[in-house]
PDB file of N, CA and C in Angstrom:
ATOM      1  N   MET A   1     -43.232-150.823  46.337  1.00  0.00           N
ATOM      2  CA  MET A   1     -42.040-150.154  45.384  1.00  0.00           C
ATOM      3  C   MET A   1     -41.638-151.110  44.479  1.00  0.00           C
ATOM      4  N   LYS A   2     -41.586-150.713  43.173  1.00  0.00           N
ATOM      5  CA  LYS A   2     -41.163-151.850  42.217  1.00  0.00           C
ATOM      6  C   LYS A   2     -39.565-151.038  41.664  1.00  0.00           C
ATOM      7  N   THR A   3     -39.279-149.605  41.719  1.00  0.00           N
ATOM      8  CA  THR A   3     -38.176-149.392  41.315  1.00  0.00           C
ATOM      9  C   THR A   3     -37.530-148.370  42.518  1.00  0.00           C
ATOM     10  N   ILE A   4     -35.905-148.278  42.259  1.00  0.00           N
ATOM     11  CA  ILE A   4     -35.029-147.893  43.034  1.00  0.00           C
ATOM     12  C   ILE A   4     -34.192-146.995  42.003  1.00  0.00           C
ATOM     13  N   ARG A   5     -34.206-145.599  42.432  1.00  0.00           N
ATOM     14  CA  ARG A   5     -33.574-144.680  41.408  1.00  0.00           C
ATOM     15  C   ARG A   5     -32.506-144.248  42.251  1.00  0.00           C
ATOM     16  N   VAL A   6     -30.862-144.922  41.095  1.00  0.00           N
ATOM     17  CA  VAL A   6     -29.792-144.547  41.457  1.00  0.00           C
ATOM     18  C   VAL A   6     -29.091-144.028  40.677  1.00  0.00           C
ATOM     19  N   HIS A   7     -27.990-143.678  40.497  1.00  0.00           N
ATOM     20  CA  HIS A   7     -26.976-143.110  39.656  1.00  0.00           C
ATOM     21  C   HIS A   7     -26.770-144.677  38.682  1.00  0.00           C
ATOM     22  N   GLN A   8     -26.557-144.274  37.303  1.00  0.00           N
ATOM     23  CA  GLN A   8     -26.201-145.546  36.759  1.00  0.00           C
ATOM     24  C   GLN A   8     -24.933-146.297  37.001  1.00  0.00           C
ATOM     25  N   ALA A   9     -24.125-145.434  37.484  1.00  0.00           N
ATOM     26  CA  ALA A   9     -22.782-146.175  37.694  1.00  0.00           C
ATOM     27  C   ALA A   9     -22.925-147.099  38.864  1.00  0.00           C
ATOM     28  N   ILE A  10     -23.826-146.868  39.699  1.00  0.00           N
ATOM     29  CA  ILE A  10     -24.116-147.995  40.900  1.00  0.00           C
ATOM     30  C   ILE A  10     -25.372-149.029  40.604  1.00  0.00           C
ATOM     31  N   ALA A  11     -26.162-148.762  39.760  1.00  0.00           N
ATOM     32  CA  ALA A  11     -27.468-149.293  39.189  1.00  0.00           C
ATOM     33  C   ALA A  11     -26.832-150.850  39.375  1.00  0.00           C
ATOM     34  N   GLN A  12     -25.689-151.363  38.541  1.00  0.00           N
ATOM     35  CA  GLN A  12     -25.837-152.976  38.423  1.00  0.00           C
ATOM     36  C   GLN A  12     -25.323-153.440  39.725  1.00  0.00           C
ATOM     37  N   ASP A  13     -24.513-152.332  40.331  1.00  0.00           N
ATOM     38  CA  ASP A  13     -24.242-153.297  42.169  1.00  0.00           C
ATOM     39  C   ASP A  13     -25.401-153.434  43.002  1.00  0.00           C
ATOM     40  N   VAL A  14     -26.544-152.282  42.780  1.00  0.00           N
ATOM     41  CA  VAL A  14     -27.341-152.355  43.642  1.00  0.00           C
ATOM     42  C   VAL A  14     -28.325-153.467  43.310  1.00  0.00           C
ATOM     43  N   GLN A  15     -28.668-153.690  41.771  1.00  0.00           N
ATOM     44  CA  GLN A  15     -29.451-154.866  41.685  1.00  0.00           C
ATOM     45  C   GLN A  15     -28.413-156.186  41.807  1.00  0.00           C
ATOM     46  N   ALA A  16     -27.215-156.124  41.877  1.00  0.00           N
ATOM     47  CA  ALA A  16     -26.722-157.554  42.368  1.00  0.00           C
ATOM     48  C   ALA A  16     -27.061-157.681  43.363  1.00  0.00           C
ATOM     49  N   ALA A  17     -26.480-156.689  44.515  1.00  0.00           N
ATOM     50  CA  ALA A  17     -26.448-156.828  46.162  1.00  0.00           C
ATOM     51  C   ALA A  17     -27.810-157.115  46.832  1.00  0.00           C
ATOM     52  N   LEU A  18     -28.759-156.651  45.834  1.00  0.00           N
ATOM     53  CA  LEU A  18     -30.468-156.984  46.651  1.00  0.00           C
ATOM     54  C   LEU A  18     -30.786-158.214  45.884  1.00  0.00           C
ATOM     55  N   ALA A  19     -30.395-159.003  44.943  1.00  0.00           N
ATOM     56  CA  ALA A  19     -30.457-160.171  44.385  1.00  0.00           C
ATOM     57  C   ALA A  19     -30.001-160.976  45.472  1.00  0.00           C
ATOM     58  N   GLU A  20     -28.697-160.800  46.047  1.00  0.00           N
ATOM     59  CA  GLU A  20     -27.752-161.812  46.889  1.00  0.00           C
ATOM     60  C   GLU A  20     -28.268-161.491  48.052  1.00  0.00           C
ATOM     61  N   VAL A  21     -29.005-160.567  48.611  1.00  0.00           N
ATOM     62  CA  VAL A  21     -29.670-160.330  49.682  1.00  0.00           C
ATOM     63  C   VAL A  21     -30.842-161.487  49.732  1.00  0.00           C
ATOM     64  N   LEU A  22     -31.577-161.290  48.874  1.00  0.00           N
ATOM     65  CA  LEU A  22     -32.936-162.199  48.465  1.00  0.00           C
ATOM     66  C   LEU A  22     -32.463-163.962  48.364  1.00  0.00           C
ATOM     67  N   ALA A  23     -31.525-164.025  48.164  1.00  0.00           N
ATOM     68  CA  ALA A  23     -30.715-165.324  48.142  1.00  0.00           C
ATOM     69  C   ALA A  23     -30.408-166.042  49.286  1.00  0.00           C
ATOM     70  N   ALA A  24     -29.598-164.939  50.147  1.00  0.00           N
ATOM     71  CA  ALA A  24     -29.252-165.216  51.261  1.00  0.00           C
ATOM     72  C   ALA A  24     -30.070-165.700  52.254  1.00  0.00           C
ATOM     73  N   TYR A  25     -31.153-164.286  52.292  1.00  0.00           N
ATOM     74  CA  TYR A  25     -32.346-164.365  53.391  1.00  0.00           C
ATOM     75  C   TYR A  25     -33.356-164.876  53.531  1.00  0.00           C
ATOM     76  N   GLY A  26     -33.802-164.887  51.863  1.00  0.00           N
ATOM     77  CA  GLY A  26     -34.966-165.530  51.833  1.00  0.00           C
ATOM     78  C   GLY A  26     -36.034-164.005  51.799  1.00  0.00           C
ATOM     79  N   LEU A  27     -37.296-164.546  51.270  1.00  0.00           N
ATOM     80  CA  LEU A  27     -38.323-163.189  51.510  1.00  0.00           C
ATOM     81  C   LEU A  27     -38.605-163.216  52.995  1.00  0.00           C
ATOM     82  N   ASP A  28     -38.900-164.374  53.262  1.00  0.00           N
ATOM     83  CA  ASP A  28     -39.462-164.146  54.772  1.00  0.00           C
ATOM     84  C   ASP A  28     -38.728-163.873  55.613  1.00  0.00           C
ATOM     85  N   ARG A  29     -37.616-163.896  55.415  1.00  0.00           N
ATOM     86  CA  ARG A  29     -36.293-163.422  56.817  1.00  0.00           C
ATOM     87  C   ARG A  29     -36.370-162.042  56.498  1.00  0.00           C
ATOM     88  N   ILE A  30     -36.160-161.494  55.419  1.00  0.00           N
ATOM     89  CA  ILE A  30     -35.820-160.437  54.677  1.00  0.00           C
ATOM     90  C   ILE A  30     -37.164-159.528  55.239  1.00  0.00           C
ATOM     91  N   ARG A  31     -38.416-160.036  55.423  1.00  0.00           N
ATOM     92  CA  ARG A  31     -39.789-159.131  56.050  1.00  0.00           C
ATOM     93  C   ARG A  31     -39.337-159.088  57.756  1.00  0.00           C
ATOM     94  N   ALA A  32     -38.866-160.203  58.280  1.00  0.00           N
ATOM     95  CA  ALA A  32     -38.774-160.448  59.549  1.00  0.00           C
ATOM     96  C   ALA A  32     -38.044-159.092  60.330  1.00  0.00           C
ATOM     97  N   LEU A  33     -36.695-159.210  59.470  1.00  0.00           N
ATOM     98  CA  LEU A  33     -35.747-158.481  59.527  1.00  0.00           C
ATOM     99  C   LEU A  33     -36.028-156.834  59.223  1.00  0.00           C
ATOM    100  N   HIS A  34     -37.029-156.410  58.307  1.00  0.00           N
ATOM    101  CA  HIS A  34     -37.108-155.255  57.936  1.00  0.00           C
ATOM    102  C   HIS A  34     -36.515-154.706  56.870  1.00  0.00           C
ATOM    103  N   LEU A  35     -35.459-155.530  56.264  1.00  0.00           N
ATOM    104  CA  LEU A  35     -34.730-155.318  55.117  1.00  0.00           C
ATOM    105  C   LEU A  35     -35.414-155.086  53.971  1.00  0.00           C
ATOM    106  N   ASP A  36     -36.422-155.242  53.937  1.00  0.00           N
ATOM    107  CA  ASP A  36     -37.356-154.727  52.887  1.00  0.00           C
ATOM    108  C   ASP A  36     -37.953-153.253  53.128  1.00  0.00           C
ATOM    109  N   GLN A  37     -37.781-152.740  54.125  1.00  0.00           N
ATOM    110  CA  GLN A  37     -38.421-151.239  54.090  1.00  0.00           C
ATOM    111  C   GLN A  37     -37.367-150.241  53.684  1.00  0.00           C
ATOM    112  N   TYR A  38     -37.543-149.683  52.234  1.00  0.00           N
ATOM    113  CA  TYR A  38     -36.909-149.127  51.575  1.00  0.00           C
ATOM    114  C   TYR A  38     -37.150-147.383  51.888  1.00  0.00           C
ATOM    115  N   GLY A  39     -36.136-146.917  52.517  1.00  0.00           N
ATOM    116  CA  GLY A  39     -36.490-145.565  52.830  1.00  0.00           C
ATOM    117  C   GLY A  39     -35.900-144.238  51.776  1.00  0.00           C
ATOM    118  N   GLY A  40     -35.333-144.913  50.866  1.00  0.00           N
ATOM    119  CA  GLY A  40     -35.182-143.542  49.734  1.00  0.00           C
ATOM    120  C   GLY A  40     -33.393-143.898  49.011  1.00  0.00           C
ATOM    121  N   SER A  41     -33.960-143.024  47.965  1.00  0.00           N
ATOM    122  CA  SER A  41     -32.265-143.084  47.426  1.00  0.00           C
ATOM    123  C   SER A  41     -31.880-141.710  46.777  1.00  0.00           C
ATOM    124  N   TYR A  42     -32.528-141.325  45.502  1.00  0.00           N
ATOM    125  CA  TYR A  42     -32.098-140.318  44.896  1.00  0.00           C
ATOM    126  C   TYR A  42     -33.048-138.846  45.647  1.00  0.00           C
ATOM    127  N   ASN A  43     -32.164-138.030  46.143  1.00  0.00           N
ATOM    128  CA  ASN A  43     -33.170-136.832  46.633  1.00  0.00           C
ATOM    129  C   ASN A  43     -32.274-135.689  46.982  1.00  0.00           C
ATOM    130  N   ASP A  44     -32.307-134.683  45.721  1.00  0.00           N
ATOM    131  CA  ASP A  44     -31.412-133.402  45.836  1.00  0.00           C
ATOM    132  C   ASP A  44     -31.325-132.713  46.582  1.00  0.00           C
ATOM    133  N   ARG A  45     -30.574-132.663  47.833  1.00  0.00           N
ATOM    134  CA  ARG A  45     -30.621-131.862  49.066  1.00  0.00           C
ATOM    135  C   ARG A  45     -29.181-131.997  49.557  1.00  0.00           C
ATOM    136  N   SER A  46     -29.092-131.048  50.867  1.00  0.00           N
ATOM    137  CA  SER A  46     -27.997-131.070  51.625  1.00  0.00           C
ATOM    138  C   SER A  46     -27.677-132.141  52.738  1.00  0.00           C
ATOM    139  N   THR A  47     -26.305-132.093  53.242  1.00  0.00           N
ATOM    140  CA  THR A  47     -26.190-132.873  54.148  1.00  0.00           C
ATOM    141  C   THR A  47     -26.956-132.472  55.509  1.00  0.00           C
ATOM    142  N   ALA A  48     -26.717-133.305  56.613  1.00  0.00           N
ATOM    143  CA  ALA A  48     -27.705-132.502  57.637  1.00  0.00           C
ATOM    144  C   ALA A  48     -27.190-131.731  58.427  1.00  0.00           C
ATOM    145  N   THR A  49     -25.964-131.275  58.171  1.00  0.00           N
ATOM    146  CA  THR A  49     -25.229-130.160  58.364  1.00  0.00           C
ATOM    147  C   THR A  49     -25.425-128.780  57.433  1.00  0.00           C
ATOM    148  N   GLY A  50     -26.072-129.231  56.213  1.00  0.00           N
ATOM    149  CA  GLY A  50     -25.895-128.085  55.323  1.00  0.00           C
ATOM    150  C   GLY A  50     -24.668-127.674  54.551  1.00  0.00           C
ATOM    151  N   LYS A  51     -23.501-128.191  54.811  1.00  0.00           N
ATOM    152  CA  LYS A  51     -22.289-127.800  54.402  1.00  0.00           C
ATOM    153  C   LYS A  51     -22.173-128.374  52.847  1.00  0.00           C
ATOM    154  N   SER A  52     -22.622-129.240  52.756  1.00  0.00           N
ATOM    155  CA  SER A  52     -21.983-129.957  51.529  1.00  0.00           C
ATOM    156  C   SER A  52     -23.472-130.345  50.561  1.00  0.00           C
ATOM    157  N   LYS A  53     -23.449-131.221  49.565  1.00  0.00           N
ATOM    158  CA  LYS A  53     -24.410-132.011  48.756  1.00  0.00           C
ATOM    159  C   LYS A  53     -24.370-133.307  49.408  1.00  0.00           C
ATOM    160  N   SER A  54     -25.693-133.937  50.101  1.00  0.00           N
ATOM    161  CA  SER A  54     -25.764-135.291  50.288  1.00  0.00           C
ATOM    162  C   SER A  54     -25.392-136.269  49.208  1.00  0.00           C
ATOM    163  N   MET A  55     -25.045-137.562  49.580  1.00  0.00           N
ATOM    164  CA  MET A  55     -24.950-138.558  48.449  1.00  0.00           C
ATOM    165  C   MET A  55     -25.872-138.994  47.979  1.00  0.00           C
ATOM    166  N   HIS A  56     -27.245-138.826  48.685  1.00  0.00           N
ATOM    167  CA  HIS A  56     -28.273-138.826  48.183  1.00  0.00           C
ATOM    168  C   HIS A  56     -28.577-138.040  46.737  1.00  0.00           C
ATOM    169  N   ALA A  57     -28.054-136.858  46.998  1.00  0.00           N
ATOM    170  CA  ALA A  57     -28.125-135.888  45.891  1.00  0.00           C
ATOM    171  C   ALA A  57     -27.436-136.309  44.606  1.00  0.00           C
ATOM    172  N   TRP A  58     -26.419-137.320  44.903  1.00  0.00           N
ATOM    173  CA  TRP A  58     -25.404-137.733  43.427  1.00  0.00           C
ATOM    174  C   TRP A  58     -26.397-139.055  43.069  1.00  0.00           C
ATOM    175  N   GLY A  59     -27.291-139.590  43.956  1.00  0.00           N
ATOM    176  CA  GLY A  59     -27.973-140.960  43.358  1.00  0.00           C
ATOM    177  C   GLY A  59     -27.133-142.030  43.706  1.00  0.00           C
ATOM    178  N   ILE A  60     -26.421-141.615  44.813  1.00  0.00           N
ATOM    179  CA  ILE A  60     -25.057-143.025  45.257  1.00  0.00           C
ATOM    180  C   ILE A  60     -25.361-143.211  46.579  1.00  0.00           C
ATOM    181  N   ALA A  61     -26.494-143.077  47.296  1.00  0.00           N
ATOM    182  CA  ALA A  61     -26.921-143.548  48.515  1.00  0.00           C
ATOM    183  C   ALA A  61     -28.081-143.946  48.776  1.00  0.00           C
ATOM    184  N   LEU A  62     -28.534-144.750  49.449  1.00  0.00           N
ATOM    185  CA  LEU A  62     -29.923-145.534  49.895  1.00  0.00           C
ATOM    186  C   LEU A  62     -30.005-145.659  51.341  1.00  0.00           C
ATOM    187  N   ASP A  63     -31.176-145.554  51.415  1.00  0.00           N
ATOM    188  CA  ASP A  63     -31.578-145.909  53.340  1.00  0.00           C
ATOM    189  C   ASP A  63     -32.514-147.164  53.284  1.00  0.00           C
ATOM    190  N   PHE A  64     -32.224-147.611  54.540  1.00  0.00           N
ATOM    191  CA  PHE A  64     -33.217-149.227  54.356  1.00  0.00           C
ATOM    192  C   PHE A  64     -33.894-149.166  55.798  1.00  0.00           C
ATOM    193  N   ASP A  65     -34.840-149.252  56.294  1.00  0.00           N
ATOM    194  CA  ASP A  65     -35.891-149.406  57.374  1.00  0.00           C
ATOM    195  C   ASP A  65     -35.204-148.222  58.317  1.00  0.00           C
ATOM    196  N   PRO A  66     -35.990-146.950  58.041  1.00  0.00           N
ATOM    197  CA  PRO A  66     -35.491-145.750  58.676  1.00  0.00           C
ATOM    198  C   PRO A  66     -36.598-146.136  60.029  1.00  0.00           C
ATOM    199  N   ALA A  67     -37.314-146.477  60.143  1.00  0.00           N
ATOM    200  CA  ALA A  67     -38.100-146.402  61.416  1.00  0.00           C
ATOM    201  C   ALA A  67     -37.496-147.129  62.897  1.00  0.00           C
ATOM    202  N   ARG A  68     -36.356-147.933  62.191  1.00  0.00           N
ATOM    203  CA  ARG A  68     -35.527-148.696  63.113  1.00  0.00           C
ATOM    204  C   ARG A  68     -34.145-148.492  63.202  1.00  0.00           C
ATOM    205  N   ASN A  69     -33.974-147.139  62.306  1.00  0.00           N
ATOM    206  CA  ASN A  69     -32.290-147.155  62.116  1.00  0.00           C
ATOM    207  C   ASN A  69     -32.252-144.943  61.992  1.00  0.00           C
ATOM    208  N   SER A  70     -32.876-144.570  62.974  1.00  0.00           N
ATOM    209  CA  SER A  70     -32.859-143.260  62.764  1.00  0.00           C
ATOM    210  C   SER A  70     -31.017-142.594  62.450  1.00  0.00           C
ATOM    211  N   TYR A  71     -31.287-141.484  61.924  1.00  0.00           N
ATOM    212  CA  TYR A  71     -30.061-140.888  62.272  1.00  0.00           C
ATOM    213  C   TYR A  71     -29.004-141.175  63.182  1.00  0.00           C
ATOM    214  N   SER A  72     -29.563-140.599  64.385  1.00  0.00           N
ATOM    215  CA  SER A  72     -28.901-140.440  65.639  1.00  0.00           C
ATOM    216  C   SER A  72     -29.122-142.180  66.471  1.00  0.00           C
ATOM    217  N   CYS A  73     -29.519-142.646  66.007  1.00  0.00           N
ATOM    218  CA  CYS A  73     -29.960-144.209  66.676  1.00  0.00           C
ATOM    219  C   CYS A  73     -28.117-144.879  66.747  1.00  0.00           C
ATOM    220  N   LYS A  74     -27.878-145.396  67.451  1.00  0.00           N
ATOM    221  CA  LYS A  74     -26.541-146.414  67.733  1.00  0.00           C
ATOM    222  C   LYS A  74     -26.660-147.756  68.043  1.00  0.00           C
ATOM    223  N   ALA A  75     -25.367-148.705  67.629  1.00  0.00           N
ATOM    224  CA  ALA A  75     -25.496-149.845  68.242  1.00  0.00           C
ATOM    225  C   ALA A  75     -25.602-149.846  69.434  1.00  0.00           C
ATOM    226  N   PRO A  76     -26.581-150.612  70.325  1.00  0.00           N
ATOM    227  CA  PRO A  76     -26.934-152.373  69.732  1.00  0.00           C
ATOM    228  C   PRO A  76     -28.542-151.873  69.572  1.00  0.00           C
ATOM    229  N   HIS A  77     -29.315-150.323  69.523  1.00  0.00           N
ATOM    230  CA  HIS A  77     -30.253-149.999  69.585  1.00  0.00           C
ATOM    231  C   HIS A  77     -30.726-150.291  68.099  1.00  0.00           C
ATOM    232  N   ALA A  78     -30.049-149.810  67.117  1.00  0.00           N
ATOM    233  CA  ALA A  78     -30.179-149.550  65.495  1.00  0.00           C
ATOM    234  C   ALA A  78     -30.454-150.917  65.067  1.00  0.00           C
ATOM    235  N   GLY A  79     -31.689-151.532  64.436  1.00  0.00           N
ATOM    236  CA  GLY A  79     -32.163-152.443  63.930  1.00  0.00           C
ATOM    237  C   GLY A  79     -31.059-152.769  63.158  1.00  0.00           C
ATOM    238  N   LEU A  80     -30.519-152.123  62.162  1.00  0.00           N
ATOM    239  CA  LEU A  80     -29.400-152.988  61.303  1.00  0.00           C
ATOM    240  C   LEU A  80     -28.027-153.128  61.615  1.00  0.00           C
ATOM    241  N   SER A  81     -27.780-152.829  62.966  1.00  0.00           N
ATOM    242  CA  SER A  81     -26.386-153.344  64.291  1.00  0.00           C
ATOM    243  C   SER A  81     -26.314-154.383  64.519  1.00  0.00           C
ATOM    244  N   ARG A  82     -27.397-155.552  64.432  1.00  0.00           N
ATOM    245  CA  ARG A  82     -27.767-156.541  64.889  1.00  0.00           C
ATOM    246  C   ARG A  82     -27.287-157.702  64.452  1.00  0.00           C
ATOM    247  N   PRO A  83     -26.572-158.486  64.918  1.00  0.00           N
ATOM    248  CA  PRO A  83     -25.901-159.699  64.495  1.00  0.00           C
ATOM    249  C   PRO A  83     -26.474-160.321  63.051  1.00  0.00           C
ATOM    250  N   GLU A  84     -28.010-160.622  63.206  1.00  0.00           N
ATOM    251  CA  GLU A  84     -28.325-161.170  61.846  1.00  0.00           C
ATOM    252  C   GLU A  84     -28.125-160.455  60.769  1.00  0.00           C
ATOM    253  N   CYS A  85     -27.913-159.231  60.459  1.00  0.00           N
ATOM    254  CA  CYS A  85     -27.828-158.456  59.609  1.00  0.00           C
ATOM    255  C   CYS A  85     -26.578-158.258  59.057  1.00  0.00           C
ATOM    256  N   GLU A  86     -25.260-159.111  59.747  1.00  0.00           N
ATOM    257  CA  GLU A  86     -23.906-158.802  59.487  1.00  0.00           C
ATOM    258  C   GLU A  86     -24.040-159.273  57.773  1.00  0.00           C
ATOM    259  N   GLU A  87     -24.547-160.481  57.736  1.00  0.00           N
ATOM    260  CA  GLU A  87     -24.676-160.970  56.046  1.00  0.00           C
ATOM    261  C   GLU A  87     -25.327-159.806  54.898  1.00  0.00           C
ATOM    262  N   TRP A  88     -26.448-159.095  55.344  1.00  0.00           N
ATOM    263  CA  TRP A  88     -26.291-158.191  54.982  1.00  0.00           C
ATOM    264  C   TRP A  88     -25.617-156.872  54.493  1.00  0.00           C
ATOM    265  N   TRP A  89     -25.098-156.621  55.548  1.00  0.00           N
ATOM    266  CA  TRP A  89     -23.595-155.921  55.255  1.00  0.00           C
ATOM    267  C   TRP A  89     -22.592-155.963  54.708  1.00  0.00           C
ATOM    268  N   ARG A  90     -22.004-157.506  54.603  1.00  0.00           N
ATOM    269  CA  ARG A  90     -21.099-158.242  54.329  1.00  0.00           C
ATOM    270  C   ARG A  90     -21.458-158.271  52.669  1.00  0.00           C
ATOM    271  N   ILE A  91     -22.926-158.297  52.231  1.00  0.00           N
ATOM    272  CA  ILE A  91     -23.314-158.385  50.883  1.00  0.00           C
ATOM    273  C   ILE A  91     -22.848-156.977  50.021  1.00  0.00           C
ATOM    274  N   TRP A  92     -23.236-155.618  51.143  1.00  0.00           N
ATOM    275  CA  TRP A  92     -23.333-154.123  50.238  1.00  0.00           C
ATOM    276  C   TRP A  92     -21.760-153.945  50.161  1.00  0.00           C
ATOM    277  N   GLU A  93     -21.128-154.463  50.973  1.00  0.00           N
ATOM    278  CA  GLU A  93     -19.536-153.977  51.108  1.00  0.00           C
ATOM    279  C   GLU A  93     -19.101-154.730  49.873  1.00  0.00           C
ATOM    280  N   ALA A  94     -19.486-156.077  49.657  1.00  0.00           N
ATOM    281  CA  ALA A  94     -18.487-157.005  48.712  1.00  0.00           C
ATOM    282  C   ALA A  94     -18.918-155.909  47.205  1.00  0.00           C
ATOM    283  N   HIS A  95     -20.387-155.227  47.136  1.00  0.00           N
ATOM    284  CA  HIS A  95     -20.661-154.527  45.823  1.00  0.00           C
ATOM    285  C   HIS A  95     -20.014-153.163  46.030  1.00  0.00           C
ATOM    286  N   GLY A  96     -19.237-152.849  47.135  1.00  0.00           N
ATOM    287  CA  GLY A  96     -18.837-151.319  47.106  1.00  0.00           C
ATOM    288  C   GLY A  96     -19.275-150.434  47.992  1.00  0.00           C
ATOM    289  N   ALA A  97     -20.186-150.592  48.663  1.00  0.00           N
ATOM    290  CA  ALA A  97     -20.719-149.734  49.495  1.00  0.00           C
ATOM    291  C   ALA A  97     -20.349-149.528  50.611  1.00  0.00           C
ATOM    292  N   VAL A  98     -20.433-148.346  51.601  1.00  0.00           N
ATOM    293  CA  VAL A  98     -20.165-148.284  52.648  1.00  0.00           C
ATOM    294  C   VAL A  98     -21.149-147.866  53.655  1.00  0.00           C
ATOM    295  N   SER A  99     -21.260-148.369  54.978  1.00  0.00           N
ATOM    296  CA  SER A  99     -22.290-148.278  55.774  1.00  0.00           C
ATOM    297  C   SER A  99     -21.761-147.368  56.998  1.00  0.00           C
ATOM    298  N   LEU A 100     -22.543-146.189  57.146  1.00  0.00           N
ATOM    299  CA  LEU A 100     -22.562-144.989  58.173  1.00  0.00           C
ATOM    300  C   LEU A 100     -22.199-145.845  59.414  1.00  0.00           C
ATOM    301  N   GLY A 101     -23.032-146.411  59.586  1.00  0.00           N
ATOM    302  CA  GLY A 101     -23.448-147.215  60.834  1.00  0.00           C
ATOM    303  C   GLY A 101     -22.121-148.029  61.517  1.00  0.00           C
ATOM    304  N   ARG A 102     -21.632-148.637  60.407  1.00  0.00           N
ATOM    305  CA  ARG A 102     -20.552-149.986  60.494  1.00  0.00           C
ATOM    306  C   ARG A 102     -19.310-149.086  60.970  1.00  0.00           C
ATOM    307  N   GLU A 103     -19.051-147.743  60.049  1.00  0.00           N
ATOM    308  CA  GLU A 103     -17.890-147.022  60.030  1.00  0.00           C
ATOM    309  C   GLU A 103     -18.141-145.973  61.438  1.00  0.00           C
ATOM    310  N   ARG A 104     -19.345-145.664  61.491  1.00  0.00           N
ATOM    311  CA  ARG A 104     -19.068-144.590  62.583  1.00  0.00           C
ATOM    312  C   ARG A 104     -20.146-144.484  63.468  1.00  0.00           C
ATOM    313  N   ASN A 105     -20.907-145.520  63.601  1.00  0.00           N
ATOM    314  CA  ASN A 105     -21.610-145.760  64.559  1.00  0.00           C
ATOM    315  C   ASN A 105     -23.111-144.595  64.818  1.00  0.00           C
ATOM    316  N   TYR A 106     -23.382-144.250  63.362  1.00  0.00           N
ATOM    317  CA  TYR A 106     -25.052-143.457  63.089  1.00  0.00           C
ATOM    318  C   TYR A 106     -25.522-143.690  61.773  1.00  0.00           C
ATOM    319  N   ASP A 107     -26.754-143.281  61.875  1.00  0.00           N
ATOM    320  CA  ASP A 107     -27.235-143.292  60.424  1.00  0.00           C
ATOM    321  C   ASP A 107     -27.234-144.576  59.896  1.00  0.00           C
ATOM    322  N   TRP A 108     -27.353-145.839  60.810  1.00  0.00           N
ATOM    323  CA  TRP A 108     -27.492-147.184  60.498  1.00  0.00           C
ATOM    324  C   TRP A 108     -28.633-147.168  59.112  1.00  0.00           C
ATOM    325  N   MET A 109     -29.384-146.401  58.648  1.00  0.00           N
ATOM    326  CA  MET A 109     -30.035-147.044  57.614  1.00  0.00           C
ATOM    327  C   MET A 109     -29.605-146.573  56.355  1.00  0.00           C
ATOM    328  N   HIS A 110     -28.249-145.935  56.371  1.00  0.00           N
ATOM    329  CA  HIS A 110     -27.802-145.159  55.370  1.00  0.00           C
ATOM    330  C   HIS A 110     -26.520-146.208  54.786  1.00  0.00           C
ATOM    331  N   LEU A 111     -26.161-146.341  53.430  1.00  0.00           N
ATOM    332  CA  LEU A 111     -25.312-146.977  52.743  1.00  0.00           C
ATOM    333  C   LEU A 111     -25.101-146.098  51.423  1.00  0.00           C
ATOM    334  N   GLN A 112     -23.671-145.905  51.270  1.00  0.00           N
ATOM    335  CA  GLN A 112     -23.203-144.925  50.188  1.00  0.00           C
ATOM    336  C   GLN A 112     -22.344-145.899  49.492  1.00  0.00           C
ATOM    337  N   PHE A 113     -22.098-145.502  47.919  1.00  0.00           N
ATOM    338  CA  PHE A 113     -20.986-146.075  47.227  1.00  0.00           C
ATOM    339  C   PHE A 113     -20.257-144.864  46.915  1.00  0.00           C
ATOM    340  N   ALA A 114     -19.523-144.422  47.916  1.00  0.00           N
ATOM    341  CA  ALA A 114     -18.779-143.283  47.912  1.00  0.00           C
ATOM    342  C   ALA A 114     -17.664-143.798  49.468  1.00  0.00           C
ATOM    343  N   ARG A 115     -16.411-143.774  49.464  1.00  0.00           N
ATOM    344  CA  ARG A 115     -15.469-143.573  50.565  1.00  0.00           C
ATOM    345  C   ARG A 115     -15.834-142.590  51.706  1.00  0.00           C
ATOM    346  N   LEU A 116     -15.822-142.566  52.857  1.00  0.00           N
ATOM    347  CA  LEU A 116     -15.925-141.572  53.870  1.00  0.00           C
ATOM    348  C   LEU A 116     -14.673-140.892  54.096  1.00  0.00           C
TER     349      LEU A 116
END
């Protein structure tokens, strides 16, 4: 994939975060940790409960490595909950993203540019 579709308000933060991830991990380590497994961003849909619009519907959420970080997978089983992914999360958080995994211990694939 060559593009990621997000809201224009977060586009620069997403681009900067991805560049920092590349600089911090290098391509081989990114692949080894499956950080290159993009699961999607913009998707006009409701939340899992169906009670409101998903952050994806606003283009302010992204999913990574869904195969190893399912909605219900919790630490330490979720791939993105491992210690070697700490820098990944530090980079995203420095750009304003919030991790549902780190905040609520579910949906580790999901990061969003909105407070919980």
